Each structure stands twice: as C-alpha cells, then as structure tokens.
Amino acid sequence: MDLKVTDGNPLGVLHASYLPDCDVFLTADKIFVLALDRVAEQAPVPVGRVHRVEPAAHNGIVEAIEATLRTL
C-alpha cells in the first residue's frame, strides 16, 4: 500500500514532527495512522505511539479523545 501526504493533512504532518517529543499522538485520520506507524518502525529514535480517535463513535471530539486515552 502506497501512502501519500495530501492537501488534506498538512497540519497533521507539521504536528507529526513532534513524534520524538511525545508519548502519544492522536489523530482521526486512519491513513495517517498507517503512515505514522511506518515512520515509527523506521525512526532512529523512540517516537510517540499513534492512536486513532473516532469522533463519530462518541458525542463529540472531547469524548472521543477521553475514550481513546482510557484505552492506554
């Protein structure tokens, strides 16, 4: 599977540059999760674990983030 950076995720790409500085990285973009998982496999330093937030499965983004963090 070929993964590409698209116009839809430039801010996510900027935020992902902080992966070496964080413990957990949250995103709602499932393709971005796959891409960041690949980055983590190849990274020369430890990076934050990437988790997908599912806002549609909850009553808003705050509840979705809380639900995701509870699984850690």
PDB file of N, CA and C in Angstrom:
ATOM      1  N   MET A   1       0.849  -1.177   0.000  1.00  0.00           N
ATOM      2  CA  MET A   1       0.000   0.000   0.000  1.00  0.00           C
ATOM      3  C   MET A   1       0.896   1.241   0.000  1.00  0.00           C
ATOM      4  N   ASP A   2       0.673   2.109  -0.972  1.00  0.00           N
ATOM      5  CA  ASP A   2       1.434   3.348  -1.081  1.00  0.00           C
ATOM      6  C   ASP A   2       0.690   4.450  -0.339  1.00  0.00           C
ATOM      7  N   LEU A   3       1.342   5.081   0.611  1.00  0.00           N
ATOM      8  CA  LEU A   3       0.721   6.149   1.395  1.00  0.00           C
ATOM      9  C   LEU A   3       1.315   7.477   0.984  1.00  0.00           C
ATOM     10  N   LYS A   4       0.464   8.481   0.805  1.00  0.00           N
ATOM     11  CA  LYS A   4       0.921   9.789   0.355  1.00  0.00           C
ATOM     12  C   LYS A   4       0.451  10.885   1.293  1.00  0.00           C
ATOM     13  N   VAL A   5       1.221  11.942   1.343  1.00  0.00           N
ATOM     14  CA  VAL A   5       0.790  13.163   2.018  1.00  0.00           C
ATOM     15  C   VAL A   5      -0.075  13.916   1.018  1.00  0.00           C
ATOM     16  N   THR A   6      -1.258  14.327   1.439  1.00  0.00           N
ATOM     17  CA  THR A   6      -2.176  15.036   0.541  1.00  0.00           C
ATOM     18  C   THR A   6      -2.470  16.424   1.083  1.00  0.00           C
ATOM     19  N   ASP A   7      -3.232  17.192   0.313  1.00  0.00           N
ATOM     20  CA  ASP A   7      -3.626  18.531   0.755  1.00  0.00           C
ATOM     21  C   ASP A   7      -4.477  18.487   2.018  1.00  0.00           C
ATOM     22  N   GLY A   8      -5.067  17.342   2.310  1.00  0.00           N
ATOM     23  CA  GLY A   8      -5.962  17.236   3.455  1.00  0.00           C
ATOM     24  C   GLY A   8      -5.276  17.148   4.803  1.00  0.00           C
ATOM     25  N   ASN A   9      -3.971  16.946   4.828  1.00  0.00           N
ATOM     26  CA  ASN A   9      -3.329  16.751   6.124  1.00  0.00           C
ATOM     27  C   ASN A   9      -2.035  17.531   6.342  1.00  0.00           C
ATOM     28  N   PRO A  10      -1.889  18.755   5.822  1.00  0.00           N
ATOM     29  CA  PRO A  10      -0.621  19.471   6.051  1.00  0.00           C
ATOM     30  C   PRO A  10      -0.367  19.809   7.516  1.00  0.00           C
ATOM     31  N   LEU A  11      -1.412  20.128   8.272  1.00  0.00           N
ATOM     32  CA  LEU A  11      -1.194  20.428   9.696  1.00  0.00           C
ATOM     33  C   LEU A  11      -0.828  19.177  10.474  1.00  0.00           C
ATOM     34  N   GLY A  12      -1.424  18.061  10.102  1.00  0.00           N
ATOM     35  CA  GLY A  12      -1.057  16.806  10.740  1.00  0.00           C
ATOM     36  C   GLY A  12       0.403  16.476  10.525  1.00  0.00           C
ATOM     37  N   VAL A  13       0.885  16.741   9.328  1.00  0.00           N
ATOM     38  CA  VAL A  13       2.294  16.495   9.023  1.00  0.00           C
ATOM     39  C   VAL A  13       3.183  17.379   9.891  1.00  0.00           C
ATOM     40  N   LEU A  14       2.796  18.640  10.054  1.00  0.00           N
ATOM     41  CA  LEU A  14       3.570  19.529  10.928  1.00  0.00           C
ATOM     42  C   LEU A  14       3.564  19.032  12.366  1.00  0.00           C
ATOM     43  N   HIS A  15       2.402  18.611  12.851  1.00  0.00           N
ATOM     44  CA  HIS A  15       2.316  18.106  14.221  1.00  0.00           C
ATOM     45  C   HIS A  15       3.111  16.814  14.390  1.00  0.00           C
ATOM     46  N   ALA A  16       3.148  15.982  13.357  1.00  0.00           N
ATOM     47  CA  ALA A  16       3.865  14.710  13.451  1.00  0.00           C
ATOM     48  C   ALA A  16       5.360  14.906  13.657  1.00  0.00           C
ATOM     49  N   SER A  17       5.868  16.077  13.325  1.00  0.00           N
ATOM     50  CA  SER A  17       7.298  16.324  13.554  1.00  0.00           C
ATOM     51  C   SER A  17       7.641  16.303  15.044  1.00  0.00           C
ATOM     52  N   TYR A  18       6.621  16.365  15.896  1.00  0.00           N
ATOM     53  CA  TYR A  18       6.836  16.308  17.345  1.00  0.00           C
ATOM     54  C   TYR A  18       6.809  14.877  17.890  1.00  0.00           C
ATOM     55  N   LEU A  19       6.650  13.875  17.031  1.00  0.00           N
ATOM     56  CA  LEU A  19       6.589  12.485  17.498  1.00  0.00           C
ATOM     57  C   LEU A  19       7.734  12.099  18.437  1.00  0.00           C
ATOM     58  N   PRO A  20       8.970  12.502  18.172  1.00  0.00           N
ATOM     59  CA  PRO A  20      10.041  12.122  19.104  1.00  0.00           C
ATOM     60  C   PRO A  20       9.899  12.752  20.492  1.00  0.00           C
ATOM     61  N   ASP A  21       9.095  13.801  20.598  1.00  0.00           N
ATOM     62  CA  ASP A  21       8.950  14.514  21.874  1.00  0.00           C
ATOM     63  C   ASP A  21       7.703  14.130  22.657  1.00  0.00           C
ATOM     64  N   CYS A  22       6.891  13.230  22.126  1.00  0.00           N
ATOM     65  CA  CYS A  22       5.636  12.913  22.816  1.00  0.00           C
ATOM     66  C   CYS A  22       5.552  11.425  23.135  1.00  0.00           C
ATOM     67  N   ASP A  23       4.649  11.097  24.038  1.00  0.00           N
ATOM     68  CA  ASP A  23       4.395   9.697  24.373  1.00  0.00           C
ATOM     69  C   ASP A  23       3.264   9.129  23.531  1.00  0.00           C
ATOM     70  N   VAL A  24       2.273   9.977  23.231  1.00  0.00           N
ATOM     71  CA  VAL A  24       1.084   9.561  22.491  1.00  0.00           C
ATOM     72  C   VAL A  24       0.755  10.627  21.460  1.00  0.00           C
ATOM     73  N   PHE A  25       0.372  10.192  20.260  1.00  0.00           N
ATOM     74  CA  PHE A  25      -0.038  11.101  19.189  1.00  0.00           C
ATOM     75  C   PHE A  25      -1.424  10.666  18.744  1.00  0.00           C
ATOM     76  N   LEU A  26      -2.404  11.555  18.811  1.00  0.00           N
ATOM     77  CA  LEU A  26      -3.781  11.233  18.446  1.00  0.00           C
ATOM     78  C   LEU A  26      -4.156  11.880  17.122  1.00  0.00           C
ATOM     79  N   THR A  27      -4.878  11.138  16.294  1.00  0.00           N
ATOM     80  CA  THR A  27      -5.405  11.658  15.039  1.00  0.00           C
ATOM     81  C   THR A  27      -6.679  10.894  14.690  1.00  0.00           C
ATOM     82  N   ALA A  28      -7.556  11.524  13.937  1.00  0.00           N
ATOM     83  CA  ALA A  28      -8.767  10.860  13.459  1.00  0.00           C
ATOM     84  C   ALA A  28      -8.561  10.274  12.065  1.00  0.00           C
ATOM     85  N   ASP A  29      -7.420  10.517  11.458  1.00  0.00           N
ATOM     86  CA  ASP A  29      -7.130  10.110  10.080  1.00  0.00           C
ATOM     87  C   ASP A  29      -6.511   8.715  10.053  1.00  0.00           C
ATOM     88  N   LYS A  30      -7.287   7.718   9.615  1.00  0.00           N
ATOM     89  CA  LYS A  30      -6.792   6.340   9.679  1.00  0.00           C
ATOM     90  C   LYS A  30      -5.624   6.074   8.726  1.00  0.00           C
ATOM     91  N   ILE A  31      -5.576   6.734   7.575  1.00  0.00           N
ATOM     92  CA  ILE A  31      -4.442   6.568   6.666  1.00  0.00           C
ATOM     93  C   ILE A  31      -3.185   7.190   7.273  1.00  0.00           C
ATOM     94  N   PHE A  32      -3.367   8.318   7.942  1.00  0.00           N
ATOM     95  CA  PHE A  32      -2.240   8.977   8.606  1.00  0.00           C
ATOM     96  C   PHE A  32      -1.679   8.086   9.711  1.00  0.00           C
ATOM     97  N   VAL A  33      -2.550   7.372  10.421  1.00  0.00           N
ATOM     98  CA  VAL A  33      -2.094   6.424  11.449  1.00  0.00           C
ATOM     99  C   VAL A  33      -1.191   5.368  10.812  1.00  0.00           C
ATOM    100  N   LEU A  34      -1.612   4.826   9.679  1.00  0.00           N
ATOM    101  CA  LEU A  34      -0.797   3.821   8.994  1.00  0.00           C
ATOM    102  C   LEU A  34       0.560   4.393   8.587  1.00  0.00           C
ATOM    103  N   ALA A  35       0.551   5.615   8.060  1.00  0.00           N
ATOM    104  CA  ALA A  35       1.804   6.253   7.649  1.00  0.00           C
ATOM    105  C   ALA A  35       2.724   6.480   8.846  1.00  0.00           C
ATOM    106  N   LEU A  36       2.157   6.969   9.945  1.00  0.00           N
ATOM    107  CA  LEU A  36       2.979   7.240  11.127  1.00  0.00           C
ATOM    108  C   LEU A  36       3.478   5.955  11.774  1.00  0.00           C
ATOM    109  N   ASP A  37       2.699   4.882  11.678  1.00  0.00           N
ATOM    110  CA  ASP A  37       3.181   3.587  12.167  1.00  0.00           C
ATOM    111  C   ASP A  37       4.417   3.149  11.380  1.00  0.00           C
ATOM    112  N   ARG A  38       4.399   3.394  10.080  1.00  0.00           N
ATOM    113  CA  ARG A  38       5.579   3.071   9.259  1.00  0.00           C
ATOM    114  C   ARG A  38       6.771   3.936   9.649  1.00  0.00           C
ATOM    115  N   VAL A  39       6.511   5.201   9.895  1.00  0.00           N
ATOM    116  CA  VAL A  39       7.582   6.100  10.338  1.00  0.00           C
ATOM    117  C   VAL A  39       8.184   5.579  11.636  1.00  0.00           C
ATOM    118  N   ALA A  40       7.331   5.184  12.569  1.00  0.00           N
ATOM    119  CA  ALA A  40       7.804   4.698  13.870  1.00  0.00           C
ATOM    120  C   ALA A  40       8.694   3.467  13.717  1.00  0.00           C
ATOM    121  N   GLU A  41       8.353   2.593  12.771  1.00  0.00           N
ATOM    122  CA  GLU A  41       9.162   1.391  12.545  1.00  0.00           C
ATOM    123  C   GLU A  41      10.574   1.733  12.076  1.00  0.00           C
ATOM    124  N   GLN A  42      10.713   2.815  11.331  1.00  0.00           N
ATOM    125  CA  GLN A  42      11.998   3.185  10.737  1.00  0.00           C
ATOM    126  C   GLN A  42      12.743   4.278  11.504  1.00  0.00           C
ATOM    127  N   ALA A  43      12.090   4.867  12.485  1.00  0.00           N
ATOM    128  CA  ALA A  43      12.675   6.014  13.190  1.00  0.00           C
ATOM    129  C   ALA A  43      13.952   5.615  13.929  1.00  0.00           C
ATOM    130  N   PRO A  44      14.974   6.454  13.855  1.00  0.00           N
ATOM    131  CA  PRO A  44      16.224   6.154  14.551  1.00  0.00           C
ATOM    132  C   PRO A  44      16.158   6.439  16.055  1.00  0.00           C
ATOM    133  N   VAL A  45      15.064   7.049  16.499  1.00  0.00           N
ATOM    134  CA  VAL A  45      14.857   7.353  17.917  1.00  0.00           C
ATOM    135  C   VAL A  45      13.451   6.913  18.303  1.00  0.00           C
ATOM    136  N   PRO A  46      13.182   6.693  19.587  1.00  0.00           N
ATOM    137  CA  PRO A  46      11.822   6.357  20.001  1.00  0.00           C
ATOM    138  C   PRO A  46      10.858   7.498  19.668  1.00  0.00           C
ATOM    139  N   VAL A  47       9.653   7.139  19.258  1.00  0.00           N
ATOM    140  CA  VAL A  47       8.629   8.144  18.953  1.00  0.00           C
ATOM    141  C   VAL A  47       7.343   7.793  19.696  1.00  0.00           C
ATOM    142  N   GLY A  48       6.452   8.775  19.806  1.00  0.00           N
ATOM    143  CA  GLY A  48       5.173   8.563  20.476  1.00  0.00           C
ATOM    144  C   GLY A  48       4.317   7.532  19.758  1.00  0.00           C
ATOM    145  N   ARG A  49       3.533   6.802  20.526  1.00  0.00           N
ATOM    146  CA  ARG A  49       2.619   5.826  19.935  1.00  0.00           C
ATOM    147  C   ARG A  49       1.450   6.562  19.303  1.00  0.00           C
ATOM    148  N   VAL A  50       1.069   6.136  18.120  1.00  0.00           N
ATOM    149  CA  VAL A  50      -0.014   6.779  17.381  1.00  0.00           C
ATOM    150  C   VAL A  50      -1.307   6.017  17.638  1.00  0.00           C
ATOM    151  N   HIS A  51      -2.361   6.753  17.959  1.00  0.00           N
ATOM    152  CA  HIS A  51      -3.677   6.163  18.199  1.00  0.00           C
ATOM    153  C   HIS A  51      -4.721   6.929  17.416  1.00  0.00           C
ATOM    154  N   ARG A  52      -5.704   6.210  16.910  1.00  0.00           N
ATOM    155  CA  ARG A  52      -6.781   6.842  16.159  1.00  0.00           C
ATOM    156  C   ARG A  52      -7.930   7.196  17.091  1.00  0.00           C
ATOM    157  N   VAL A  53      -8.388   8.434  16.969  1.00  0.00           N
ATOM    158  CA  VAL A  53      -9.558   8.929  17.695  1.00  0.00           C
ATOM    159  C   VAL A  53     -10.752   8.782  16.759  1.00  0.00           C
ATOM    160  N   GLU A  54     -11.883   8.308  17.274  1.00  0.00           N
ATOM    161  CA  GLU A  54     -13.070   8.115  16.443  1.00  0.00           C
ATOM    162  C   GLU A  54     -14.215   8.998  16.931  1.00  0.00           C
ATOM    163  N   PRO A  55     -14.249  10.280  16.500  1.00  0.00           N
ATOM    164  CA  PRO A  55     -15.282  11.200  16.977  1.00  0.00           C
ATOM    165  C   PRO A  55     -16.695  10.763  16.624  1.00  0.00           C
ATOM    166  N   ALA A  56     -16.878  10.097  15.492  1.00  0.00           N
ATOM    167  CA  ALA A  56     -18.223   9.688  15.078  1.00  0.00           C
ATOM    168  C   ALA A  56     -18.818   8.651  16.027  1.00  0.00           C
ATOM    169  N   ALA A  57     -17.975   7.945  16.746  1.00  0.00           N
ATOM    170  CA  ALA A  57     -18.447   6.910  17.666  1.00  0.00           C
ATOM    171  C   ALA A  57     -18.792   7.465  19.044  1.00  0.00           C
ATOM    172  N   HIS A  58     -18.635   8.770  19.223  1.00  0.00           N
ATOM    173  CA  HIS A  58     -18.866   9.396  20.524  1.00  0.00           C
ATOM    174  C   HIS A  58     -19.669  10.680  20.360  1.00  0.00           C
ATOM    175  N   ASN A  59     -19.930  11.349  21.452  1.00  0.00           N
ATOM    176  CA  ASN A  59     -20.700  12.600  21.429  1.00  0.00           C
ATOM    177  C   ASN A  59     -19.799  13.816  21.297  1.00  0.00           C
ATOM    178  N   GLY A  60     -18.895  13.792  20.339  1.00  0.00           N
ATOM    179  CA  GLY A  60     -18.002  14.926  20.133  1.00  0.00           C
ATOM    180  C   GLY A  60     -16.552  14.552  20.310  1.00  0.00           C
ATOM    181  N   ILE A  61     -15.699  15.487  19.964  1.00  0.00           N
ATOM    182  CA  ILE A  61     -14.266  15.223  19.952  1.00  0.00           C
ATOM    183  C   ILE A  61     -13.679  15.029  21.352  1.00  0.00           C
ATOM    184  N   VAL A  62     -14.163  15.794  22.330  1.00  0.00           N
ATOM    185  CA  VAL A  62     -13.622  15.655  23.686  1.00  0.00           C
ATOM    186  C   VAL A  62     -13.900  14.255  24.219  1.00  0.00           C
ATOM    187  N   GLU A  63     -15.120  13.781  24.035  1.00  0.00           N
ATOM    188  CA  GLU A  63     -15.469  12.434  24.491  1.00  0.00           C
ATOM    189  C   GLU A  63     -14.662  11.382  23.741  1.00  0.00           C
ATOM    190  N   ALA A  64     -14.418  11.613  22.448  1.00  0.00           N
ATOM    191  CA  ALA A  64     -13.637  10.666  21.655  1.00  0.00           C
ATOM    192  C   ALA A  64     -12.195  10.603  22.144  1.00  0.00           C
ATOM    193  N   ILE A  65     -11.620  11.748  22.452  1.00  0.00           N
ATOM    194  CA  ILE A  65     -10.246  11.779  22.974  1.00  0.00           C
ATOM    195  C   ILE A  65     -10.183  11.083  24.327  1.00  0.00           C
ATOM    196  N   GLU A  66     -11.143  11.381  25.203  1.00  0.00           N
ATOM    197  CA  GLU A  66     -11.169  10.731  26.519  1.00  0.00           C
ATOM    198  C   GLU A  66     -11.277   9.220  26.374  1.00  0.00           C
ATOM    199  N   ALA A  67     -12.143   8.757  25.478  1.00  0.00           N
ATOM    200  CA  ALA A  67     -12.322   7.319  25.273  1.00  0.00           C
ATOM    201  C   ALA A  67     -11.039   6.679  24.756  1.00  0.00           C
ATOM    202  N   THR A  68     -10.362   7.348  23.853  1.00  0.00           N
ATOM    203  CA  THR A  68      -9.103   6.824  23.315  1.00  0.00           C
ATOM    204  C   THR A  68      -8.041   6.753  24.404  1.00  0.00           C
ATOM    205  N   LEU A  69      -7.917   7.796  25.196  1.00  0.00           N
ATOM    206  CA  LEU A  69      -6.906   7.819  26.257  1.00  0.00           C
ATOM    207  C   LEU A  69      -7.190   6.778  27.333  1.00  0.00           C
ATOM    208  N   ARG A  70      -8.458   6.454  27.572  1.00  0.00           N
ATOM    209  CA  ARG A  70      -8.794   5.426  28.569  1.00  0.00           C
ATOM    210  C   ARG A  70      -8.290   4.049  28.154  1.00  0.00           C
ATOM    211  N   THR A  71      -8.077   3.843  26.858  1.00  0.00           N
ATOM    212  CA  THR A  71      -7.619   2.527  26.391  1.00  0.00           C
ATOM    213  C   THR A  71      -6.119   2.333  26.542  1.00  0.00           C
ATOM    214  N   LEU A  72      -5.410   3.366  26.934  1.00  0.00           N
ATOM    215  CA  LEU A  72      -3.944   3.276  27.028  1.00  0.00           C
ATOM    216  C   LEU A  72      -3.510   2.657  28.333  1.00  0.00           C
TER     217      LEU A  72
END
